[in-house]
Protein backbone atom coordinates (compact mmCIF):
# COMPACT_ATOMS: atom_id res chain seq x y z
CA PHE A 1 23.43 2.36 -32.23
CA ALA A 2 23.79 0.71 -28.94
CA ILE A 3 25.31 4.05 -27.53
CA CYS A 4 22.35 5.82 -29.05
CA ILE A 5 19.84 3.42 -27.18
CA ILE A 6 21.89 3.69 -23.72
CA ALA A 7 21.89 7.34 -23.91
CA LEU A 8 18.08 7.60 -24.46
CA TYR A 9 17.54 5.10 -21.65
CA ILE A 10 19.91 7.27 -19.21
CA ALA A 11 17.87 10.56 -20.44
CA PHE A 12 14.51 8.97 -19.62
CA TYR A 13 15.68 7.90 -16.34
CA TYR A 14 17.36 11.15 -15.53
CA ASN A 15 14.41 13.10 -16.62
CA THR A 16 11.87 11.01 -14.61
CA ILE A 17 13.96 11.49 -11.45
CA MET A 18 13.97 15.12 -11.96
CA ALA A 19 10.28 15.43 -12.66
CA TRP A 20 9.52 13.79 -9.25
CA ALA A 21 11.79 16.26 -7.62
CA LEU A 22 10.04 19.35 -9.08
CA TYR A 23 6.56 17.72 -8.45
CA TYR A 24 7.45 17.11 -4.78
CA LEU A 25 9.07 20.71 -4.47
CA LEU A 26 6.14 22.33 -6.05
CA SER A 27 3.77 20.30 -3.94
CA SER A 28 5.40 21.56 -0.70
CA PHE A 29 4.40 25.23 -1.27
CA ARG A 30 0.67 24.46 -1.00
CA ALA A 31 -1.04 26.05 2.24
CA THR A 32 -2.09 22.43 3.08
CA LEU A 33 0.45 19.72 2.36
CA PRO A 34 -1.26 17.11 0.16
CA TRP A 35 0.32 14.22 2.24
CA THR A 36 -1.03 15.19 5.54
CA THR A 37 -4.71 14.60 4.72
CA CYS A 38 -6.94 11.72 3.32
CA ASN A 39 -9.18 14.16 1.26
CA ASN A 40 -7.32 13.70 -1.81
CA GLN A 41 -8.32 11.89 -4.90
CA TRP A 42 -5.68 9.47 -4.83
CA ASN A 43 -6.30 8.21 -1.42
CA THR A 44 -8.09 4.88 -0.55
CA PRO A 45 -10.82 3.96 2.06
CA ASN A 46 -7.93 2.51 3.89
CA CYS A 47 -6.26 5.94 4.51
CA THR A 48 -6.16 6.71 8.46
CA HIS A 49 -5.62 10.29 9.23
CA TYR A 50 -3.88 10.83 12.69
CA LEU A 51 -2.20 13.62 14.57
CA SER A 52 -0.40 13.68 17.99
CA THR A 53 -3.53 15.24 19.11
CA ASP A 54 -6.14 12.63 17.97
CA LEU A 55 -6.59 10.07 20.55
CA ASN A 56 -9.56 8.17 19.22
CA VAL A 57 -7.77 6.88 16.26
CA SER A 58 -7.80 3.14 15.83
CA TRP A 59 -5.36 1.49 13.37
CA THR A 60 -6.14 -1.83 11.52
CA ASN A 61 -3.81 -4.04 9.65
CA SER A 62 -4.94 -2.31 6.41
CA SER A 63 -4.78 1.28 7.62
CA ILE A 64 -2.51 3.49 5.62
CA SER A 65 -1.07 7.01 6.30
CA PRO A 66 -1.73 9.64 4.01
CA ALA A 67 1.93 10.26 3.41
CA GLU A 68 2.53 6.54 2.47
CA GLU A 69 -0.40 6.75 -0.14
CA PHE A 70 1.01 10.07 -1.47
CA TYR A 71 4.72 8.93 -1.92
């Protein structure tokens, strides 16, 4: 009985990791990568979009990058 429970636990763990990998792989084929902008539904008001060309971006202690919120 214990072996079946352990095998089930390992299967759930493995399938979760594989689902994350597949999700990130498919997300990387979009025209605009979802972790580069703050215009997504999961972004919070603390999301701060910046590029190397943006000189007027001010960071605060509560600022979060879009990539950090995606992952």
